[in-house]
Amino acid sequence: MTSNRTTTLRDQLLKDVAPEHIPAVRAAARRVADRVNAAIAAAAESVHHTRSAPLETALDHATEICLRYLATHEPDEFERYARAMTILHDDLSALPPCAE
């Protein structure tokens, strides 16, 4: 019997995780995402206050700079963040543009 269900990237990441461990995996993903998102938010707040940039604009730029830095200088951390965001949000196209 074949399934019509589409395999998502989240499904692929969690294929070897026992169902009883899913909450722990999601909690770990949340910690990784929170750590990176806190750094992005702090950078955006700094730019917003010191340069009087609109917060939305500051957040977009901080996100781009922080993620580019991670991808270039800390690829393992960038990979953890990408996996965490996938586990937490599955369909990344549903995220706001500044979070992609």
PDB file of N, CA and C in Angstrom:
ATOM      1  N   MET A   1       0.848  -1.179   0.000  1.00  0.00           N
ATOM      2  CA  MET A   1       0.000   0.000   0.000  1.00  0.00           C
ATOM      3  C   MET A   1       0.889   1.236   0.000  1.00  0.00           C
ATOM      4  N   THR A   2       0.710   2.103  -0.968  1.00  0.00           N
ATOM      5  CA  THR A   2       1.493   3.333  -1.028  1.00  0.00           C
ATOM      6  C   THR A   2       0.686   4.481  -0.457  1.00  0.00           C
ATOM      7  N   SER A   3       1.434   5.431   0.053  1.00  0.00           N
ATOM      8  CA  SER A   3       0.788   6.581   0.675  1.00  0.00           C
ATOM      9  C   SER A   3       0.896   7.782  -0.250  1.00  0.00           C
ATOM     10  N   ASN A   4      -0.119   8.611  -0.258  1.00  0.00           N
ATOM     11  CA  ASN A   4      -0.098   9.850  -1.026  1.00  0.00           C
ATOM     12  C   ASN A   4       0.545  10.976  -0.225  1.00  0.00           C
ATOM     13  N   ARG A   5       0.885  10.699   0.987  1.00  0.00           N
ATOM     14  CA  ARG A   5       1.439  11.715   1.881  1.00  0.00           C
ATOM     15  C   ARG A   5       2.805  12.163   1.364  1.00  0.00           C
ATOM     16  N   THR A   6       3.006  13.452   1.273  1.00  0.00           N
ATOM     17  CA  THR A   6       4.277  14.002   0.839  1.00  0.00           C
ATOM     18  C   THR A   6       5.252  13.996   2.010  1.00  0.00           C
ATOM     19  N   THR A   7       6.456  13.551   1.758  1.00  0.00           N
ATOM     20  CA  THR A   7       7.485  13.564   2.793  1.00  0.00           C
ATOM     21  C   THR A   7       8.095  14.955   2.835  1.00  0.00           C
ATOM     22  N   THR A   8       8.014  15.586   3.985  1.00  0.00           N
ATOM     23  CA  THR A   8       8.561  16.932   4.139  1.00  0.00           C
ATOM     24  C   THR A   8       9.982  16.845   4.669  1.00  0.00           C
ATOM     25  N   LEU A   9      10.675  17.959   4.612  1.00  0.00           N
ATOM     26  CA  LEU A   9      12.017  18.015   5.169  1.00  0.00           C
ATOM     27  C   LEU A   9      11.976  17.702   6.664  1.00  0.00           C
ATOM     28  N   ARG A  10      10.945  18.179   7.357  1.00  0.00           N
ATOM     29  CA  ARG A  10      10.808  17.872   8.784  1.00  0.00           C
ATOM     30  C   ARG A  10      10.696  16.367   8.989  1.00  0.00           C
ATOM     31  N   ASP A  11       9.885  15.715   8.161  1.00  0.00           N
ATOM     32  CA  ASP A  11       9.752  14.257   8.250  1.00  0.00           C
ATOM     33  C   ASP A  11      11.106  13.576   8.096  1.00  0.00           C
ATOM     34  N   GLN A  12      11.888  14.060   7.148  1.00  0.00           N
ATOM     35  CA  GLN A  12      13.209  13.477   6.913  1.00  0.00           C
ATOM     36  C   GLN A  12      14.121  13.673   8.120  1.00  0.00           C
ATOM     37  N   LEU A  13      14.071  14.866   8.718  1.00  0.00           N
ATOM     38  CA  LEU A  13      14.919  15.143   9.880  1.00  0.00           C
ATOM     39  C   LEU A  13      14.522  14.315  11.091  1.00  0.00           C
ATOM     40  N   LEU A  14      13.246  14.015  11.208  1.00  0.00           N
ATOM     41  CA  LEU A  14      12.748  13.318  12.395  1.00  0.00           C
ATOM     42  C   LEU A  14      12.510  11.825  12.167  1.00  0.00           C
ATOM     43  N   LYS A  15      12.908  11.287  11.008  1.00  0.00           N
ATOM     44  CA  LYS A  15      12.578   9.903  10.680  1.00  0.00           C
ATOM     45  C   LYS A  15      13.131   8.885  11.663  1.00  0.00           C
ATOM     46  N   ASP A  16      14.256   9.164  12.288  1.00  0.00           N
ATOM     47  CA  ASP A  16      14.862   8.207  13.220  1.00  0.00           C
ATOM     48  C   ASP A  16      14.581   8.537  14.684  1.00  0.00           C
ATOM     49  N   VAL A  17      13.705   9.491  14.926  1.00  0.00           N
ATOM     50  CA  VAL A  17      13.389   9.901  16.295  1.00  0.00           C
ATOM     51  C   VAL A  17      12.137   9.168  16.756  1.00  0.00           C
ATOM     52  N   ALA A  18      12.257   8.501  17.879  1.00  0.00           N
ATOM     53  CA  ALA A  18      11.105   7.794  18.448  1.00  0.00           C
ATOM     54  C   ALA A  18      10.038   8.817  18.854  1.00  0.00           C
ATOM     55  N   PRO A  19       8.771   8.477  18.679  1.00  0.00           N
ATOM     56  CA  PRO A  19       7.696   9.429  18.996  1.00  0.00           C
ATOM     57  C   PRO A  19       7.781  10.013  20.408  1.00  0.00           C
ATOM     58  N   GLU A  20       8.208   9.203  21.362  1.00  0.00           N
ATOM     59  CA  GLU A  20       8.291   9.710  22.736  1.00  0.00           C
ATOM     60  C   GLU A  20       9.426  10.721  22.921  1.00  0.00           C
ATOM     61  N   HIS A  21      10.349  10.789  21.955  1.00  0.00           N
ATOM     62  CA  HIS A  21      11.459  11.749  22.048  1.00  0.00           C
ATOM     63  C   HIS A  21      11.195  13.037  21.275  1.00  0.00           C
ATOM     64  N   ILE A  22      10.116  13.085  20.529  1.00  0.00           N
ATOM     65  CA  ILE A  22       9.801  14.273  19.733  1.00  0.00           C
ATOM     66  C   ILE A  22       9.713  15.533  20.598  1.00  0.00           C
ATOM     67  N   PRO A  23       9.039  15.513  21.757  1.00  0.00           N
ATOM     68  CA  PRO A  23       9.000  16.736  22.568  1.00  0.00           C
ATOM     69  C   PRO A  23      10.392  17.234  22.975  1.00  0.00           C
ATOM     70  N   ALA A  24      11.301  16.325  23.296  1.00  0.00           N
ATOM     71  CA  ALA A  24      12.660  16.723  23.663  1.00  0.00           C
ATOM     72  C   ALA A  24      13.406  17.310  22.463  1.00  0.00           C
ATOM     73  N   VAL A  25      13.194  16.721  21.289  1.00  0.00           N
ATOM     74  CA  VAL A  25      13.832  17.230  20.073  1.00  0.00           C
ATOM     75  C   VAL A  25      13.299  18.626  19.753  1.00  0.00           C
ATOM     76  N   ARG A  26      11.989  18.805  19.878  1.00  0.00           N
ATOM     77  CA  ARG A  26      11.399  20.133  19.631  1.00  0.00           C
ATOM     78  C   ARG A  26      11.906  21.149  20.647  1.00  0.00           C
ATOM     79  N   ALA A  27      12.066  20.746  21.897  1.00  0.00           N
ATOM     80  CA  ALA A  27      12.584  21.663  22.927  1.00  0.00           C
ATOM     81  C   ALA A  27      14.027  22.059  22.615  1.00  0.00           C
ATOM     82  N   ALA A  28      14.828  21.111  22.178  1.00  0.00           N
ATOM     83  CA  ALA A  28      16.212  21.417  21.814  1.00  0.00           C
ATOM     84  C   ALA A  28      16.244  22.349  20.599  1.00  0.00           C
ATOM     85  N   ALA A  29      15.377  22.084  19.619  1.00  0.00           N
ATOM     86  CA  ALA A  29      15.296  22.959  18.445  1.00  0.00           C
ATOM     87  C   ALA A  29      14.882  24.362  18.853  1.00  0.00           C
ATOM     88  N   ARG A  30      13.949  24.458  19.790  1.00  0.00           N
ATOM     89  CA  ARG A  30      13.494  25.773  20.273  1.00  0.00           C
ATOM     90  C   ARG A  30      14.654  26.523  20.926  1.00  0.00           C
ATOM     91  N   ARG A  31      15.485  25.835  21.699  1.00  0.00           N
ATOM     92  CA  ARG A  31      16.632  26.496  22.355  1.00  0.00           C
ATOM     93  C   ARG A  31      17.627  27.022  21.325  1.00  0.00           C
ATOM     94  N   VAL A  32      17.908  26.230  20.299  1.00  0.00           N
ATOM     95  CA  VAL A  32      18.832  26.669  19.245  1.00  0.00           C
ATOM     96  C   VAL A  32      18.259  27.896  18.527  1.00  0.00           C
ATOM     97  N   ALA A  33      17.006  27.810  18.128  1.00  0.00           N
ATOM     98  CA  ALA A  33      16.375  28.922  17.417  1.00  0.00           C
ATOM     99  C   ALA A  33      16.294  30.165  18.300  1.00  0.00           C
ATOM    100  N   ASP A  34      15.940  29.982  19.555  1.00  0.00           N
ATOM    101  CA  ASP A  34      15.850  31.121  20.471  1.00  0.00           C
ATOM    102  C   ASP A  34      17.188  31.823  20.646  1.00  0.00           C
ATOM    103  N   ARG A  35      18.269  31.046  20.724  1.00  0.00           N
ATOM    104  CA  ARG A  35      19.600  31.628  20.909  1.00  0.00           C
ATOM    105  C   ARG A  35      19.966  32.519  19.720  1.00  0.00           C
ATOM    106  N   VAL A  36      19.764  32.027  18.514  1.00  0.00           N
ATOM    107  CA  VAL A  36      20.100  32.808  17.325  1.00  0.00           C
ATOM    108  C   VAL A  36      19.125  33.974  17.168  1.00  0.00           C
ATOM    109  N   ASN A  37      17.842  33.730  17.383  1.00  0.00           N
ATOM    110  CA  ASN A  37      16.851  34.795  17.250  1.00  0.00           C
ATOM    111  C   ASN A  37      17.067  35.899  18.276  1.00  0.00           C
ATOM    112  N   ALA A  38      17.545  35.561  19.472  1.00  0.00           N
ATOM    113  CA  ALA A  38      17.841  36.583  20.486  1.00  0.00           C
ATOM    114  C   ALA A  38      18.994  37.475  20.029  1.00  0.00           C
ATOM    115  N   ALA A  39      20.006  36.881  19.412  1.00  0.00           N
ATOM    116  CA  ALA A  39      21.131  37.673  18.894  1.00  0.00           C
ATOM    117  C   ALA A  39      20.665  38.595  17.771  1.00  0.00           C
ATOM    118  N   ILE A  40      19.803  38.097  16.910  1.00  0.00           N
ATOM    119  CA  ILE A  40      19.264  38.917  15.817  1.00  0.00           C
ATOM    120  C   ILE A  40      18.437  40.067  16.384  1.00  0.00           C
ATOM    121  N   ALA A  41      17.585  39.769  17.355  1.00  0.00           N
ATOM    122  CA  ALA A  41      16.745  40.806  17.960  1.00  0.00           C
ATOM    123  C   ALA A  41      17.584  41.868  18.658  1.00  0.00           C
ATOM    124  N   ALA A  42      18.636  41.460  19.360  1.00  0.00           N
ATOM    125  CA  ALA A  42      19.508  42.421  20.044  1.00  0.00           C
ATOM    126  C   ALA A  42      20.209  43.325  19.036  1.00  0.00           C
ATOM    127  N   ALA A  43      20.687  42.750  17.946  1.00  0.00           N
ATOM    128  CA  ALA A  43      21.338  43.562  16.907  1.00  0.00           C
ATOM    129  C   ALA A  43      20.340  44.538  16.290  1.00  0.00           C
ATOM    130  N   ALA A  44      19.141  44.095  16.040  1.00  0.00           N
ATOM    131  CA  ALA A  44      18.108  44.967  15.462  1.00  0.00           C
ATOM    132  C   ALA A  44      17.755  46.101  16.414  1.00  0.00           C
ATOM    133  N   GLU A  45      17.589  45.786  17.694  1.00  0.00           N
ATOM    134  CA  GLU A  45      17.282  46.814  18.693  1.00  0.00           C
ATOM    135  C   GLU A  45      18.389  47.865  18.752  1.00  0.00           C
ATOM    136  N   SER A  46      19.634  47.413  18.700  1.00  0.00           N
ATOM    137  CA  SER A  46      20.775  48.330  18.745  1.00  0.00           C
ATOM    138  C   SER A  46      20.747  49.290  17.559  1.00  0.00           C
ATOM    139  N   VAL A  47      20.547  48.747  16.371  1.00  0.00           N
ATOM    140  CA  VAL A  47      20.489  49.586  15.165  1.00  0.00           C
ATOM    141  C   VAL A  47      19.287  50.524  15.243  1.00  0.00           C
ATOM    142  N   HIS A  48      18.173  50.010  15.697  1.00  0.00           N
ATOM    143  CA  HIS A  48      16.953  50.816  15.814  1.00  0.00           C
ATOM    144  C   HIS A  48      17.179  52.016  16.729  1.00  0.00           C
ATOM    145  N   HIS A  49      17.832  51.803  17.860  1.00  0.00           N
ATOM    146  CA  HIS A  49      18.034  52.890  18.821  1.00  0.00           C
ATOM    147  C   HIS A  49      19.189  53.811  18.465  1.00  0.00           C
ATOM    148  N   THR A  50      20.291  53.259  17.969  1.00  0.00           N
ATOM    149  CA  THR A  50      21.457  54.103  17.708  1.00  0.00           C
ATOM    150  C   THR A  50      21.370  54.841  16.384  1.00  0.00           C
ATOM    151  N   ARG A  51      20.670  54.285  15.422  1.00  0.00           N
ATOM    152  CA  ARG A  51      20.595  54.919  14.096  1.00  0.00           C
ATOM    153  C   ARG A  51      19.186  55.373  13.741  1.00  0.00           C
ATOM    154  N   SER A  52      18.269  55.213  14.655  1.00  0.00           N
ATOM    155  CA  SER A  52      16.868  55.602  14.441  1.00  0.00           C
ATOM    156  C   SER A  52      16.248  54.946  13.204  1.00  0.00           C
ATOM    157  N   ALA A  53      16.731  53.771  12.877  1.00  0.00           N
ATOM    158  CA  ALA A  53      16.156  53.023  11.755  1.00  0.00           C
ATOM    159  C   ALA A  53      14.831  52.424  12.199  1.00  0.00           C
ATOM    160  N   PRO A  54      13.871  52.326  11.285  1.00  0.00           N
ATOM    161  CA  PRO A  54      12.618  51.646  11.645  1.00  0.00           C
ATOM    162  C   PRO A  54      12.926  50.217  12.105  1.00  0.00           C
ATOM    163  N   LEU A  55      12.228  49.767  13.124  1.00  0.00           N
ATOM    164  CA  LEU A  55      12.508  48.457  13.696  1.00  0.00           C
ATOM    165  C   LEU A  55      12.399  47.331  12.661  1.00  0.00           C
ATOM    166  N   GLU A  56      11.403  47.393  11.808  1.00  0.00           N
ATOM    167  CA  GLU A  56      11.222  46.355  10.774  1.00  0.00           C
ATOM    168  C   GLU A  56      12.436  46.300   9.845  1.00  0.00           C
ATOM    169  N   THR A  57      12.914  47.459   9.442  1.00  0.00           N
ATOM    170  CA  THR A  57      14.092  47.527   8.567  1.00  0.00           C
ATOM    171  C   THR A  57      15.326  47.015   9.295  1.00  0.00           C
ATOM    172  N   ALA A  58      15.488  47.443  10.547  1.00  0.00           N
ATOM    173  CA  ALA A  58      16.629  46.993  11.350  1.00  0.00           C
ATOM    174  C   ALA A  58      16.604  45.482  11.530  1.00  0.00           C
ATOM    175  N   LEU A  59      15.422  44.919  11.754  1.00  0.00           N
ATOM    176  CA  LEU A  59      15.284  43.472  11.925  1.00  0.00           C
ATOM    177  C   LEU A  59      15.644  42.725  10.641  1.00  0.00           C
ATOM    178  N   ASP A  60      15.180  43.234   9.511  1.00  0.00           N
ATOM    179  CA  ASP A  60      15.517  42.600   8.226  1.00  0.00           C
ATOM    180  C   ASP A  60      17.025  42.580   8.004  1.00  0.00           C
ATOM    181  N   HIS A  61      17.676  43.721   8.236  1.00  0.00           N
ATOM    182  CA  HIS A  61      19.121  43.807   8.021  1.00  0.00           C
ATOM    183  C   HIS A  61      19.888  42.955   9.035  1.00  0.00           C
ATOM    184  N   ALA A  62      19.470  42.984  10.283  1.00  0.00           N
ATOM    185  CA  ALA A  62      20.147  42.185  11.316  1.00  0.00           C
ATOM    186  C   ALA A  62      20.022  40.695  11.012  1.00  0.00           C
ATOM    187  N   THR A  63      18.861  40.278  10.556  1.00  0.00           N
ATOM    188  CA  THR A  63      18.660  38.870  10.207  1.00  0.00           C
ATOM    189  C   THR A  63      19.595  38.466   9.076  1.00  0.00           C
ATOM    190  N   GLU A  64      19.629  39.273   8.037  1.00  0.00           N
ATOM    191  CA  GLU A  64      20.489  38.968   6.895  1.00  0.00           C
ATOM    192  C   GLU A  64      21.959  38.903   7.301  1.00  0.00           C
ATOM    193  N   ILE A  65      22.411  39.876   8.070  1.00  0.00           N
ATOM    194  CA  ILE A  65      23.818  39.925   8.482  1.00  0.00           C
ATOM    195  C   ILE A  65      24.166  38.764   9.404  1.00  0.00           C
ATOM    196  N   CYS A  66      23.321  38.505  10.398  1.00  0.00           N
ATOM    197  CA  CYS A  66      23.599  37.425  11.351  1.00  0.00           C
ATOM    198  C   CYS A  66      23.617  36.060  10.671  1.00  0.00           C
ATOM    199  N   LEU A  67      22.648  35.809   9.809  1.00  0.00           N
ATOM    200  CA  LEU A  67      22.602  34.512   9.143  1.00  0.00           C
ATOM    201  C   LEU A  67      23.743  34.356   8.134  1.00  0.00           C
ATOM    202  N   ARG A  68      24.097  35.438   7.469  1.00  0.00           N
ATOM    203  CA  ARG A  68      25.242  35.372   6.549  1.00  0.00           C
ATOM    204  C   ARG A  68      26.522  35.094   7.331  1.00  0.00           C
ATOM    205  N   TYR A  69      26.670  35.748   8.496  1.00  0.00           N
ATOM    206  CA  TYR A  69      27.843  35.509   9.343  1.00  0.00           C
ATOM    207  C   TYR A  69      27.904  34.034   9.765  1.00  0.00           C
ATOM    208  N   LEU A  70      26.784  33.518  10.251  1.00  0.00           N
ATOM    209  CA  LEU A  70      26.754  32.114  10.675  1.00  0.00           C
ATOM    210  C   LEU A  70      27.098  31.183   9.516  1.00  0.00           C
ATOM    211  N   ALA A  71      26.498  31.416   8.372  1.00  0.00           N
ATOM    212  CA  ALA A  71      26.729  30.544   7.219  1.00  0.00           C
ATOM    213  C   ALA A  71      28.194  30.568   6.792  1.00  0.00           C
ATOM    214  N   THR A  72      28.827  31.725   6.909  1.00  0.00           N
ATOM    215  CA  THR A  72      30.211  31.878   6.457  1.00  0.00           C
ATOM    216  C   THR A  72      31.226  31.442   7.504  1.00  0.00           C
ATOM    217  N   HIS A  73      31.014  31.849   8.754  1.00  0.00           N
ATOM    218  CA  HIS A  73      32.024  31.650   9.795  1.00  0.00           C
ATOM    219  C   HIS A  73      31.711  30.534  10.790  1.00  0.00           C
ATOM    220  N   GLU A  74      30.454  30.169  10.906  1.00  0.00           N
ATOM    221  CA  GLU A  74      30.060  29.112  11.844  1.00  0.00           C
ATOM    222  C   GLU A  74      29.034  28.195  11.176  1.00  0.00           C
ATOM    223  N   PRO A  75      29.488  27.479  10.144  1.00  0.00           N
ATOM    224  CA  PRO A  75      28.536  26.667   9.374  1.00  0.00           C
ATOM    225  C   PRO A  75      27.822  25.593  10.194  1.00  0.00           C
ATOM    226  N   ASP A  76      28.482  25.047  11.209  1.00  0.00           N
ATOM    227  CA  ASP A  76      27.808  24.040  12.042  1.00  0.00           C
ATOM    228  C   ASP A  76      26.641  24.655  12.797  1.00  0.00           C
ATOM    229  N   GLU A  77      26.841  25.863  13.321  1.00  0.00           N
ATOM    230  CA  GLU A  77      25.758  26.552  14.039  1.00  0.00           C
ATOM    231  C   GLU A  77      24.641  26.939  13.064  1.00  0.00           C
ATOM    232  N   PHE A  78      25.020  27.369  11.873  1.00  0.00           N
ATOM    233  CA  PHE A  78      24.018  27.706  10.858  1.00  0.00           C
ATOM    234  C   PHE A  78      23.184  26.473  10.513  1.00  0.00           C
ATOM    235  N   GLU A  79      23.836  25.335  10.370  1.00  0.00           N
ATOM    236  CA  GLU A  79      23.129  24.077  10.066  1.00  0.00           C
ATOM    237  C   GLU A  79      22.178  23.711  11.204  1.00  0.00           C
ATOM    238  N   ARG A  80      22.633  23.869  12.456  1.00  0.00           N
ATOM    239  CA  ARG A  80      21.752  23.588  13.605  1.00  0.00           C
ATOM    240  C   ARG A  80      20.536  24.507  13.593  1.00  0.00           C
ATOM    241  N   TYR A  81      20.768  25.785  13.288  1.00  0.00           N
ATOM    242  CA  TYR A  81      19.672  26.751  13.241  1.00  0.00           C
ATOM    243  C   TYR A  81      18.684  26.392  12.118  1.00  0.00           C
ATOM    244  N   ALA A  82      19.204  26.066  10.945  1.00  0.00           N
ATOM    245  CA  ALA A  82      18.329  25.705   9.819  1.00  0.00           C
ATOM    246  C   ALA A  82      17.502  24.468  10.151  1.00  0.00           C
ATOM    247  N   ARG A  83      18.137  23.472  10.749  1.00  0.00           N
ATOM    248  CA  ARG A  83      17.403  22.263  11.137  1.00  0.00           C
ATOM    249  C   ARG A  83      16.364  22.580  12.209  1.00  0.00           C
ATOM    250  N   ALA A  84      16.742  23.402  13.172  1.00  0.00           N
ATOM    251  CA  ALA A  84      15.806  23.775  14.241  1.00  0.00           C
ATOM    252  C   ALA A  84      14.593  24.491  13.671  1.00  0.00           C
ATOM    253  N   MET A  85      14.827  25.448  12.787  1.00  0.00           N
ATOM    254  CA  MET A  85      13.706  26.184  12.203  1.00  0.00           C
ATOM    255  C   MET A  85      12.824  25.249  11.374  1.00  0.00           C
ATOM    256  N   THR A  86      13.419  24.287  10.701  1.00  0.00           N
ATOM    257  CA  THR A  86      12.646  23.314   9.917  1.00  0.00           C
ATOM    258  C   THR A  86      11.806  22.439  10.832  1.00  0.00           C
ATOM    259  N   ILE A  87      12.393  21.970  11.919  1.00  0.00           N
ATOM    260  CA  ILE A  87      11.655  21.135  12.872  1.00  0.00           C
ATOM    261  C   ILE A  87      10.501  21.921  13.490  1.00  0.00           C
ATOM    262  N   LEU A  88      10.747  23.175  13.798  1.00  0.00           N
ATOM    263  CA  LEU A  88       9.723  23.983  14.460  1.00  0.00           C
ATOM    264  C   LEU A  88       8.646  24.484  13.504  1.00  0.00           C
ATOM    265  N   HIS A  89       9.026  24.776  12.263  1.00  0.00           N
ATOM    266  CA  HIS A  89       8.087  25.437  11.348  1.00  0.00           C
ATOM    267  C   HIS A  89       7.749  24.632  10.104  1.00  0.00           C
ATOM    268  N   ASP A  90       8.498  23.574   9.825  1.00  0.00           N
ATOM    269  CA  ASP A  90       8.296  22.686   8.688  1.00  0.00           C
ATOM    270  C   ASP A  90       8.302  23.428   7.355  1.00  0.00           C
ATOM    271  N   ASP A  91       7.247  24.143   7.051  1.00  0.00           N
ATOM    272  CA  ASP A  91       7.158  24.833   5.768  1.00  0.00           C
ATOM    273  C   ASP A  91       7.742  26.231   5.937  1.00  0.00           C
ATOM    274  N   LEU A  92       9.011  26.384   5.607  1.00  0.00           N
ATOM    275  CA  LEU A  92       9.676  27.663   5.813  1.00  0.00           C
ATOM    276  C   LEU A  92       9.132  28.756   4.900  1.00  0.00           C
ATOM    277  N   SER A  93       8.392  28.411   3.877  1.00  0.00           N
ATOM    278  CA  SER A  93       7.818  29.437   3.009  1.00  0.00           C
ATOM    279  C   SER A  93       6.715  30.197   3.736  1.00  0.00           C
ATOM    280  N   ALA A  94       6.229  29.656   4.854  1.00  0.00           N
ATOM    281  CA  ALA A  94       5.177  30.327   5.621  1.00  0.00           C
ATOM    282  C   ALA A  94       5.749  31.347   6.596  1.00  0.00           C
ATOM    283  N   LEU A  95       7.068  31.387   6.743  1.00  0.00           N
ATOM    284  CA  LEU A  95       7.682  32.344   7.658  1.00  0.00           C
ATOM    285  C   LEU A  95       7.699  33.729   7.050  1.00  0.00           C
ATOM    286  N   PRO A  96       7.729  34.771   7.881  1.00  0.00           N
ATOM    287  CA  PRO A  96       7.851  36.120   7.332  1.00  0.00           C
ATOM    288  C   PRO A  96       9.192  36.260   6.604  1.00  0.00           C
ATOM    289  N   PRO A  97       9.283  37.146   5.621  1.00  0.00           N
ATOM    290  CA  PRO A  97      10.506  37.272   4.825  1.00  0.00           C
ATOM    291  C   PRO A  97      11.778  37.475   5.655  1.00  0.00           C
ATOM    292  N   CYS A  98      11.701  38.226   6.760  1.00  0.00           N
ATOM    293  CA  CYS A  98      12.905  38.488   7.544  1.00  0.00           C
ATOM    294  C   CYS A  98      13.411  37.243   8.247  1.00  0.00           C
ATOM    295  N   ALA A  99      12.621  36.178   8.344  1.00  0.00           N
ATOM    296  CA  ALA A  99      13.032  34.964   9.045  1.00  0.00           C
ATOM    297  C   ALA A  99      13.514  33.878   8.108  1.00  0.00           C
ATOM    298  N   GLU A 100      13.423  34.102   6.807  1.00  0.00           N
ATOM    299  CA  GLU A 100      13.815  33.054   5.855  1.00  0.00           C
ATOM    300  C   GLU A 100      15.306  32.896   5.792  1.00  0.00           C
TER     301      GLU A 100
END
